[in-house]
Protein backbone atom coordinates (compact mmCIF):
# COMPACT_ATOMS: atom_id res chain seq x y z
CA UNK A 1 -14.91 -85.75 -35.40
CA UNK A 2 -14.05 -88.22 -38.02
CA UNK A 3 -11.82 -90.19 -35.58
CA UNK A 4 -14.15 -90.22 -32.64
CA UNK A 5 -15.69 -93.73 -33.36
CA UNK A 6 -13.91 -97.04 -34.22
CA UNK A 7 -14.75 -100.67 -34.27
CA UNK A 8 -13.45 -102.36 -31.06
CA UNK A 9 -12.47 -100.77 -27.72
CA UNK A 10 -9.44 -101.72 -25.77
CA UNK A 11 -10.60 -99.71 -22.74
CA UNK A 12 -13.16 -102.03 -21.26
CA UNK A 13 -11.03 -103.88 -18.60
CA UNK A 14 -8.53 -101.80 -16.50
CA UNK A 15 -9.54 -98.18 -16.32
CA UNK A 16 -6.38 -95.91 -15.98
CA UNK A 17 -6.30 -93.00 -13.96
CA UNK A 18 -8.70 -94.34 -11.15
CA UNK A 19 -5.97 -94.65 -8.47
CA UNK A 20 -4.64 -91.30 -9.14
CA UNK A 21 -8.14 -89.83 -8.48
CA UNK A 22 -8.32 -91.67 -5.25
CA UNK A 23 -5.07 -90.29 -4.33
CA UNK A 24 -6.29 -86.67 -5.04
CA UNK A 25 -9.46 -87.26 -3.04
CA UNK A 26 -7.46 -88.65 -0.06
CA UNK A 27 -5.07 -85.60 0.15
CA UNK A 28 -7.91 -83.25 -0.29
CA UNK A 29 -9.69 -84.92 2.84
CA UNK A 30 -6.53 -84.51 4.73
CA UNK A 31 -6.17 -80.81 4.12
CA UNK A 32 -9.77 -80.10 4.68
CA UNK A 33 -9.59 -81.80 8.14
CA UNK A 34 -6.46 -79.82 8.92
CA UNK A 35 -8.49 -76.64 8.24
CA UNK A 36 -11.42 -77.99 10.27
CA UNK A 37 -9.30 -78.81 13.37
CA UNK A 38 -5.62 -77.54 13.54
CA UNK A 39 -6.45 -74.32 11.50
CA UNK A 40 -10.13 -73.89 11.97
CA UNK A 41 -10.15 -70.18 11.81
CA UNK A 42 -8.93 -70.30 8.14
CA UNK A 43 -12.25 -71.79 7.09
CA UNK A 44 -13.48 -68.14 7.08
CA UNK A 45 -10.36 -66.48 5.84
CA UNK A 46 -8.70 -66.03 2.36
CA UNK A 47 -8.17 -69.81 2.08
CA UNK A 48 -11.80 -70.57 2.64
CA UNK A 49 -12.61 -71.37 -1.02
CA UNK A 50 -9.58 -73.83 -1.07
CA UNK A 51 -10.85 -75.73 2.09
CA UNK A 52 -14.36 -75.60 0.67
CA UNK A 53 -13.08 -77.44 -2.52
CA UNK A 54 -10.89 -79.69 -0.26
CA UNK A 55 -14.17 -80.81 1.30
CA UNK A 56 -15.23 -82.40 -1.96
CA UNK A 57 -12.77 -85.14 -1.63
CA UNK A 58 -15.23 -87.40 0.12
CA UNK A 59 -17.70 -86.58 -2.70
CA UNK A 60 -15.30 -87.78 -5.16
CA UNK A 61 -14.93 -91.10 -3.11
CA UNK A 62 -18.53 -91.73 -3.06
CA UNK A 63 -18.83 -91.09 -6.82
CA UNK A 64 -16.05 -93.47 -7.47
CA UNK A 65 -17.78 -96.16 -5.36
CA UNK A 66 -20.89 -95.73 -7.39
CA UNK A 67 -19.22 -95.79 -10.77
CA UNK A 68 -16.95 -98.81 -10.06
CA UNK A 69 -19.18 -101.12 -8.14
CA UNK A 70 -22.32 -100.42 -10.57
CA UNK A 71 -20.13 -100.95 -13.81
CA UNK A 72 -19.93 -104.65 -13.55
CA UNK A 73 -23.70 -105.11 -12.99
CA UNK A 74 -24.44 -102.49 -15.63
CA UNK A 75 -22.16 -104.28 -18.16
CA UNK A 76 -23.70 -107.73 -17.37
CA UNK A 77 -27.07 -106.43 -17.81
CA UNK A 78 -26.32 -104.69 -21.18
CA UNK A 79 -24.75 -107.80 -22.54
CA UNK A 80 -27.58 -110.16 -21.21
CA UNK A 81 -25.26 -112.05 -19.05
CA UNK A 82 -25.87 -113.28 -15.52
CA UNK A 83 -25.29 -110.67 -12.69
CA UNK A 84 -21.85 -110.84 -10.76
CA UNK A 85 -22.01 -113.22 -7.89
CA UNK A 86 -23.66 -111.46 -5.00
CA UNK A 87 -22.02 -113.97 -2.67
CA UNK A 88 -18.57 -113.04 -3.99
CA UNK A 89 -19.37 -109.34 -4.17
CA UNK A 90 -20.33 -109.36 -0.43
CA UNK A 91 -17.22 -111.26 0.46
CA UNK A 92 -15.06 -108.87 -1.47
CA UNK A 93 -16.57 -105.89 0.14
CA UNK A 94 -16.14 -107.20 3.45
CA UNK A 95 -12.47 -108.05 2.82
CA UNK A 96 -11.98 -104.51 1.35
CA UNK A 97 -13.61 -102.52 4.25
CA UNK A 98 -13.30 -104.35 7.46
CA UNK A 99 -9.77 -105.93 8.23
CA UNK A 100 -7.90 -102.53 7.90
CA UNK A 101 -10.55 -100.69 9.65
CA UNK A 102 -10.54 -102.92 12.73
CA UNK A 103 -6.88 -102.66 12.96
CA UNK A 104 -6.66 -98.98 12.88
CA UNK A 105 -9.78 -98.62 15.09
CA UNK A 106 -8.11 -100.96 17.79
CA UNK A 107 -4.85 -98.96 17.59
CA UNK A 108 -6.29 -95.51 17.66
CA UNK A 109 -9.42 -96.04 19.56
CA UNK A 110 -8.31 -98.49 22.29
CA UNK A 111 -4.53 -98.50 22.60
CA UNK A 112 -3.39 -94.93 21.68
CA UNK A 113 -6.58 -92.99 22.46
CA UNK A 114 -7.09 -90.52 19.62
CA UNK A 115 -10.79 -90.86 18.58
CA UNK A 116 -14.04 -89.21 19.44
CA UNK A 117 -15.39 -90.24 22.81
CA UNK A 118 -18.61 -88.27 22.38
CA UNK A 119 -18.69 -86.86 18.81
CA UNK A 120 -17.55 -84.12 16.49
CA UNK A 121 -19.74 -81.33 18.02
CA UNK A 122 -17.90 -81.79 21.51
CA UNK A 123 -14.41 -80.00 20.70
CA UNK A 124 -11.02 -81.43 21.03
CA UNK A 125 -10.52 -81.50 24.75
CA UNK A 126 -9.59 -84.55 26.88
CA UNK A 127 -13.28 -85.24 27.58
CA UNK A 128 -13.78 -85.95 23.92
CA UNK A 129 -10.48 -87.02 22.52
CA UNK A 130 -9.10 -90.20 23.97
CA UNK A 131 -9.45 -93.91 24.46
CA UNK A 132 -12.75 -95.55 24.39
CA UNK A 133 -13.72 -97.70 27.39
CA UNK A 134 -17.50 -98.06 27.13
CA UNK A 135 -17.98 -101.80 25.94
CA UNK A 136 -21.14 -101.14 24.06
CA UNK A 137 -19.77 -98.12 22.32
CA UNK A 138 -16.67 -100.14 21.44
CA UNK A 139 -18.74 -103.02 19.99
CA UNK A 140 -20.98 -100.72 17.98
CA UNK A 141 -17.96 -98.85 16.46
CA UNK A 142 -16.20 -102.21 15.68
CA UNK A 143 -19.29 -103.37 13.80
CA UNK A 144 -19.77 -99.98 12.13
CA UNK A 145 -23.34 -99.65 13.37
CA UNK A 146 -22.72 -96.73 15.78
CA UNK A 147 -24.25 -94.21 13.29
CA UNK A 148 -27.61 -95.97 13.65
CA UNK A 149 -27.58 -95.29 17.44
CA UNK A 150 -28.31 -91.60 18.29
CA UNK A 151 -26.20 -91.45 21.38
CA UNK A 152 -23.19 -92.89 19.56
CA UNK A 153 -23.27 -90.68 16.48
CA UNK A 154 -19.81 -89.63 15.43
CA UNK A 155 -18.03 -91.47 18.29
CA UNK A 156 -14.95 -93.54 17.58
CA UNK A 157 -12.87 -93.22 14.39
CA UNK A 158 -13.89 -89.72 13.09
CA UNK A 159 -14.49 -90.88 9.40
CA UNK A 160 -16.29 -94.12 10.26
CA UNK A 161 -19.59 -92.46 9.66
CA UNK A 162 -18.88 -92.62 5.97
CA UNK A 163 -18.05 -96.23 6.19
CA UNK A 164 -21.49 -96.89 7.53
CA UNK A 165 -22.98 -95.02 4.59
CA UNK A 166 -20.72 -96.87 2.14
CA UNK A 167 -21.78 -100.31 3.57
CA UNK A 168 -25.41 -99.29 3.25
CA UNK A 169 -24.71 -98.65 -0.37
CA UNK A 170 -23.20 -102.13 -0.57
CA UNK A 171 -26.51 -103.62 0.33
CA UNK A 172 -28.60 -101.30 -1.83
CA UNK A 173 -26.53 -101.77 -5.04
CA UNK A 174 -27.51 -105.40 -5.83
CA UNK A 175 -31.03 -104.53 -5.23
CA UNK A 176 -30.95 -101.76 -7.66
CA UNK A 177 -29.34 -104.23 -10.21
CA UNK A 178 -32.15 -106.84 -9.52
CA UNK A 179 -34.89 -104.12 -9.91
CA UNK A 180 -33.30 -103.17 -13.36
CA UNK A 181 -33.57 -106.71 -14.47
CA UNK A 182 -37.27 -106.92 -13.35
CA UNK A 183 -37.96 -103.72 -15.20
CA UNK A 184 -36.39 -105.13 -18.29
CA UNK A 185 -38.54 -108.27 -18.05
CA UNK A 186 -41.48 -106.09 -17.78
CA UNK A 187 -40.75 -104.39 -21.22
CA UNK A 188 -38.51 -101.49 -20.22
CA UNK A 189 -35.39 -100.88 -22.35
CA UNK A 190 -32.09 -101.66 -20.76
CA UNK A 191 -30.71 -98.29 -20.51
CA UNK A 192 -33.89 -96.80 -18.93
CA UNK A 193 -33.91 -99.68 -16.38
CA UNK A 194 -30.32 -99.22 -15.42
CA UNK A 195 -30.66 -95.38 -14.73
CA UNK A 196 -34.12 -95.59 -13.11
CA UNK A 197 -32.80 -96.78 -9.60
CA UNK A 198 -29.86 -94.11 -9.53
CA UNK A 199 -32.40 -91.37 -10.50
CA UNK A 200 -34.66 -92.43 -7.66
CA UNK A 201 -31.66 -92.16 -5.37
CA UNK A 202 -30.93 -88.60 -6.59
CA UNK A 203 -34.57 -87.62 -5.81
CA UNK A 204 -34.54 -89.04 -2.31
CA UNK A 205 -31.19 -87.48 -1.49
CA UNK A 206 -32.10 -84.02 -2.76
CA UNK A 207 -35.32 -84.13 -0.92
CA UNK A 208 -33.49 -84.78 2.35
CA UNK A 209 -31.07 -82.11 1.57
CA UNK A 210 -33.90 -79.66 0.81
CA UNK A 211 -35.58 -80.51 4.06
CA UNK A 212 -32.38 -80.27 6.24
CA UNK A 213 -31.36 -76.80 4.69
CA UNK A 214 -34.72 -75.48 5.46
CA UNK A 215 -34.72 -76.68 9.03
CA UNK A 216 -31.12 -75.58 9.67
CA UNK A 217 -31.82 -72.23 8.27
CA UNK A 218 -34.12 -71.46 11.24
CA UNK A 219 -31.67 -72.55 13.76
CA UNK A 220 -28.67 -70.96 15.44
CA UNK A 221 -25.06 -72.17 14.50
CA UNK A 222 -24.73 -74.44 17.43
CA UNK A 223 -28.27 -75.87 17.27
CA UNK A 224 -27.69 -76.54 13.50
CA UNK A 225 -24.36 -78.24 14.30
CA UNK A 226 -26.22 -80.50 16.76
CA UNK A 227 -29.04 -81.13 14.04
CA UNK A 228 -26.47 -82.26 11.52
CA UNK A 229 -23.65 -83.83 13.44
CA UNK A 230 -24.78 -84.20 17.12
CA UNK A 231 -26.23 -87.07 18.99
CA UNK A 232 -29.63 -86.61 17.45
CA UNK A 233 -32.04 -88.78 15.37
CA UNK A 234 -31.72 -85.93 12.62
CA UNK A 235 -27.98 -86.66 12.61
CA UNK A 236 -28.59 -90.26 12.00
CA UNK A 237 -30.50 -89.56 8.96
CA UNK A 238 -28.23 -86.79 7.75
CA UNK A 239 -25.03 -88.85 8.03
CA UNK A 240 -26.59 -91.91 6.45
CA UNK A 241 -26.51 -93.32 2.88
CA UNK A 242 -29.93 -91.88 2.08
CA UNK A 243 -28.69 -88.33 2.66
CA UNK A 244 -25.71 -89.01 0.35
CA UNK A 245 -27.32 -91.48 -2.10
CA UNK A 246 -27.17 -88.86 -5.04
CA UNK A 247 -23.36 -88.88 -4.90
CA UNK A 248 -23.19 -92.60 -5.41
CA UNK A 249 -26.01 -92.30 -8.08
CA UNK A 250 -24.02 -89.81 -10.16
CA UNK A 251 -21.15 -92.41 -10.30
CA UNK A 252 -23.68 -95.10 -11.20
CA UNK A 253 -25.00 -92.97 -14.11
CA UNK A 254 -21.41 -92.38 -15.31
CA UNK A 255 -20.90 -96.02 -15.29
CA UNK A 256 -24.04 -96.59 -17.49
CA UNK A 257 -22.79 -94.07 -19.76
CA UNK A 258 -19.36 -95.72 -20.07
CA UNK A 259 -20.90 -99.20 -20.54
CA UNK A 260 -22.96 -97.83 -23.30
CA UNK A 261 -20.10 -96.34 -25.03
CA UNK A 262 -18.11 -99.50 -24.68
CA UNK A 263 -20.95 -101.57 -26.03
CA UNK A 264 -21.17 -99.31 -29.15
CA UNK A 265 -17.48 -100.01 -29.95
CA UNK A 266 -16.37 -96.47 -29.06
CA UNK A 267 -12.53 -96.80 -29.35
CA UNK A 268 -11.34 -93.26 -29.89
CA UNK A 269 -12.77 -90.00 -28.33
CA UNK A 270 -11.48 -86.49 -29.61
CA UNK A 271 -9.54 -84.55 -27.05
CA UNK A 272 -11.93 -81.71 -27.58
CA UNK A 273 -14.73 -83.74 -26.22
CA UNK A 274 -13.01 -84.69 -23.14
CA UNK A 275 -11.96 -81.03 -22.59
CA UNK A 276 -15.58 -79.91 -22.88
CA UNK A 277 -16.67 -82.39 -20.33
CA UNK A 278 -13.99 -81.19 -17.99
CA UNK A 279 -15.02 -77.58 -18.55
CA UNK A 280 -18.63 -78.49 -17.72
CA UNK A 281 -17.39 -80.13 -14.47
CA UNK A 282 -15.47 -77.05 -13.62
CA UNK A 283 -18.28 -74.71 -14.49
CA UNK A 284 -20.62 -76.72 -12.12
CA UNK A 285 -18.19 -76.24 -9.30
CA UNK A 286 -17.76 -72.57 -10.00
CA UNK A 287 -21.49 -72.15 -9.65
CA UNK A 288 -21.53 -74.05 -6.55
CA UNK A 289 -18.73 -72.09 -4.91
CA UNK A 290 -20.03 -68.61 -5.95
CA UNK A 291 -23.85 -68.92 -6.57
CA UNK A 292 -25.23 -71.95 -4.76
CA UNK A 293 -23.09 -72.87 -1.84
CA UNK A 294 -25.69 -75.07 -0.14
CA UNK A 295 -25.83 -77.24 -3.29
CA UNK A 296 -22.11 -77.43 -3.78
CA UNK A 297 -21.76 -81.07 -2.73
CA UNK A 298 -24.45 -82.09 -5.07
CA UNK A 299 -22.97 -80.10 -8.02
CA UNK A 300 -19.66 -81.35 -7.10
CA UNK A 301 -20.91 -84.86 -7.33
CA UNK A 302 -22.04 -84.34 -10.87
CA UNK A 303 -18.80 -82.66 -11.65
CA UNK A 304 -16.88 -85.60 -10.25
CA UNK A 305 -18.83 -88.06 -12.43
CA UNK A 306 -18.17 -85.83 -15.47
CA UNK A 307 -14.36 -85.70 -14.67
CA UNK A 308 -14.42 -89.58 -14.00
CA UNK A 309 -15.92 -90.09 -17.40
CA UNK A 310 -13.39 -87.85 -19.21
CA UNK A 311 -10.58 -89.60 -17.49
CA UNK A 312 -11.64 -93.14 -18.42
CA UNK A 313 -12.66 -92.28 -22.07
CA UNK A 314 -9.98 -93.69 -24.47
CA UNK A 315 -7.57 -91.34 -26.19
CA UNK A 316 -7.96 -89.86 -29.68
CA UNK A 317 -5.21 -92.06 -31.09
CA UNK A 318 -5.81 -95.22 -33.06
CA UNK A 319 -4.63 -97.68 -30.47
CA UNK A 320 -7.18 -97.01 -27.74
CA UNK A 321 -4.49 -95.97 -25.29
CA UNK A 322 -5.04 -93.89 -22.05
CA UNK A 323 -5.87 -90.40 -22.59
CA UNK A 324 -3.65 -87.52 -21.43
CA UNK A 325 -5.56 -86.93 -18.10
CA UNK A 326 -5.23 -90.73 -17.31
CA UNK A 327 -1.44 -90.86 -18.06
CA UNK A 328 -0.94 -87.77 -15.68
CA UNK A 329 -3.05 -89.67 -12.99
CA UNK A 330 -1.01 -92.90 -13.66
CA UNK A 331 2.10 -91.01 -12.43
CA UNK A 332 3.71 -92.98 -9.75
CA UNK A 333 3.22 -90.52 -6.84
CA UNK A 334 -0.62 -90.05 -7.67
CA UNK A 335 -1.05 -93.80 -8.17
CA UNK A 336 0.76 -94.96 -5.11
CA UNK A 337 -1.21 -92.42 -2.91
CA UNK A 338 -4.42 -93.74 -4.53
CA UNK A 339 -3.38 -97.49 -3.58
CA UNK A 340 -2.96 -96.56 -0.01
CA UNK A 341 -5.83 -94.01 0.08
CA UNK A 342 -8.10 -96.01 2.27
CA UNK A 343 -5.51 -96.31 5.01
CA UNK A 344 -4.75 -92.60 4.73
CA UNK A 345 -8.46 -91.86 5.12
CA UNK A 346 -8.62 -93.95 8.20
CA UNK A 347 -5.28 -92.72 9.90
CA UNK A 348 -5.09 -89.01 9.20
CA UNK A 349 -7.56 -87.65 11.75
CA UNK A 350 -6.41 -89.79 14.68
CA UNK A 351 -2.89 -88.54 13.77
CA UNK A 352 -4.23 -84.84 13.77
CA UNK A 353 -5.93 -85.37 17.00
CA UNK A 354 -2.83 -86.79 18.57
CA UNK A 355 -0.70 -83.80 17.34
CA UNK A 356 -3.32 -81.29 18.60
CA UNK A 357 -3.79 -82.89 22.21
CA UNK A 358 0.12 -83.28 22.46
CA UNK A 359 0.75 -79.60 21.20
CA UNK A 360 2.80 -80.70 18.29
CA UNK A 361 1.17 -78.72 15.50
CA UNK A 362 2.89 -75.51 13.94
CA UNK A 363 0.28 -73.16 14.53
CA UNK A 364 -2.94 -71.67 12.95
CA UNK A 365 -2.02 -69.28 10.20
CA UNK A 366 -1.94 -69.88 6.60
CA UNK A 367 1.65 -70.86 6.45
CA UNK A 368 1.24 -73.29 9.18
CA UNK A 369 -1.31 -75.19 7.18
CA UNK A 370 1.28 -76.16 4.78
CA UNK A 371 3.70 -77.21 7.57
CA UNK A 372 1.04 -78.96 9.40
CA UNK A 373 -0.05 -80.80 6.24
CA UNK A 374 3.47 -81.92 5.55
CA UNK A 375 3.93 -83.16 9.30
CA UNK A 376 0.60 -85.01 8.91
CA UNK A 377 1.32 -86.58 5.59
CA UNK A 378 4.99 -87.46 6.87
CA UNK A 379 3.36 -89.63 9.65
CA UNK A 380 0.32 -90.79 7.80
CA UNK A 381 1.96 -92.04 4.45
CA UNK A 382 4.34 -94.48 6.17
CA UNK A 383 1.70 -95.69 8.36
CA UNK A 384 -0.73 -96.16 5.57
CA UNK A 385 1.81 -97.93 3.58
CA UNK A 386 2.46 -100.28 6.42
CA UNK A 387 -1.36 -101.13 6.92
CA UNK A 388 -1.82 -101.49 3.19
CA UNK A 389 1.07 -104.02 2.73
CA UNK A 390 0.42 -105.78 6.06
CA UNK A 391 -3.41 -105.76 6.12
CA UNK A 392 -5.18 -104.50 3.10
CA UNK A 393 -3.10 -106.41 0.47
CA UNK A 394 -3.26 -109.72 2.10
CA UNK A 395 -7.06 -109.29 2.63
CA UNK A 396 -7.49 -108.53 -0.92
CA UNK A 397 -5.54 -111.73 -1.96
CA UNK A 398 -8.21 -113.68 -0.19
CA UNK A 399 -10.65 -112.59 -2.74
CA UNK A 400 -9.11 -114.79 -5.33
CA UNK A 401 -9.50 -117.84 -3.19
CA UNK A 402 -13.25 -117.71 -2.94
CA UNK A 403 -14.24 -118.33 -6.50
CA UNK A 404 -12.21 -119.32 -9.49
CA UNK A 405 -13.48 -118.01 -12.81
CA UNK A 406 -12.27 -118.46 -16.33
CA UNK A 407 -11.97 -114.65 -16.90
CA UNK A 408 -12.90 -112.34 -14.01
CA UNK A 409 -13.18 -108.68 -14.47
CA UNK A 410 -10.65 -106.64 -12.27
CA UNK A 411 -11.98 -105.57 -9.10
CA UNK A 412 -11.91 -101.82 -9.42
CA UNK A 413 -14.11 -101.03 -6.48
CA UNK A 414 -13.19 -98.13 -4.10
CA UNK A 415 -14.44 -96.75 -0.81
CA UNK A 416 -14.78 -93.14 1.13
CA UNK A 417 -11.53 -93.37 2.62
């Protein structure tokens, strides 16, 4: 343990391994949705555990958002500096989320016709997969407010419900930071003030989860599906930010931990400490899969936050270089997949829908899952690279034109792609 602490860190700016984690999350989501659609019967077969774990890709995305967006606010508060510009923050979030979303929504939802017309509980027939024509539904989806309107729940781009939750978090995050500052002025120490908001988010989300699990346990499978995903008021709540707030909060708490270590000058962390953190994360997931399946997403959120901390911590070497896990995640295929992961997240389900409705999938057995996965990725990756370079990257460059600062912290923010 002698080499755990050193004077000055070199890991406070760019965090290695982040893009690789995004890439893993994106591919996990793709394969989970393959199981949910093209190979749905495998969700109860021998591959059930694998698909259950793939379903935690979105959990990782939400945790990453909480970590990466809260970190600059937590760092400013810990150092006694002004908060990041809220105007610039809002402008950056708009540019990151909206341009490529609207492009892919128009292509898949209006031109090609490969989105939900009614919602995810209505199957994959021509009455539910196709081209949106209702002007009000199109407008609601274009503005990403469809999840606030019960009759439009889960319509449009299949993953867009998570974008609505993400955008809600964008509004909540600065309020949490301002509240932390207010508590500090009232005499609360900085660390307590920074963790108070995320802990409230955890309590609210777990309370909603307990209520929904209890209510669904008294319903049949079809009724429970409508309760959670149908065109109902309950689905508006259960697909909202409030129901997933704990996942963002786990990332926010990880951000506070990393900022604290940075502030205290931690430059080297022994490999054994990081291995213990990863082991703890794996144990939480194991408990969720084997013993506490209803709590799996919450336990996976904590596990994802632990893995994230282990990845961004510096190595045990003297130069504060990337640790081994981060170096693996910086491998070009992982990193590039992470760079284009938002487009992957938006494209993949309309592509799966198109393949299903045009009878282009390979089948529904376990071998076909791999073949269907390769087929979907073969289409999704080039399209995602195209929209990243043609839409996402130019939009992100516009961020720099708004405010010129002497030394800006890199924008590491992510979304549930």
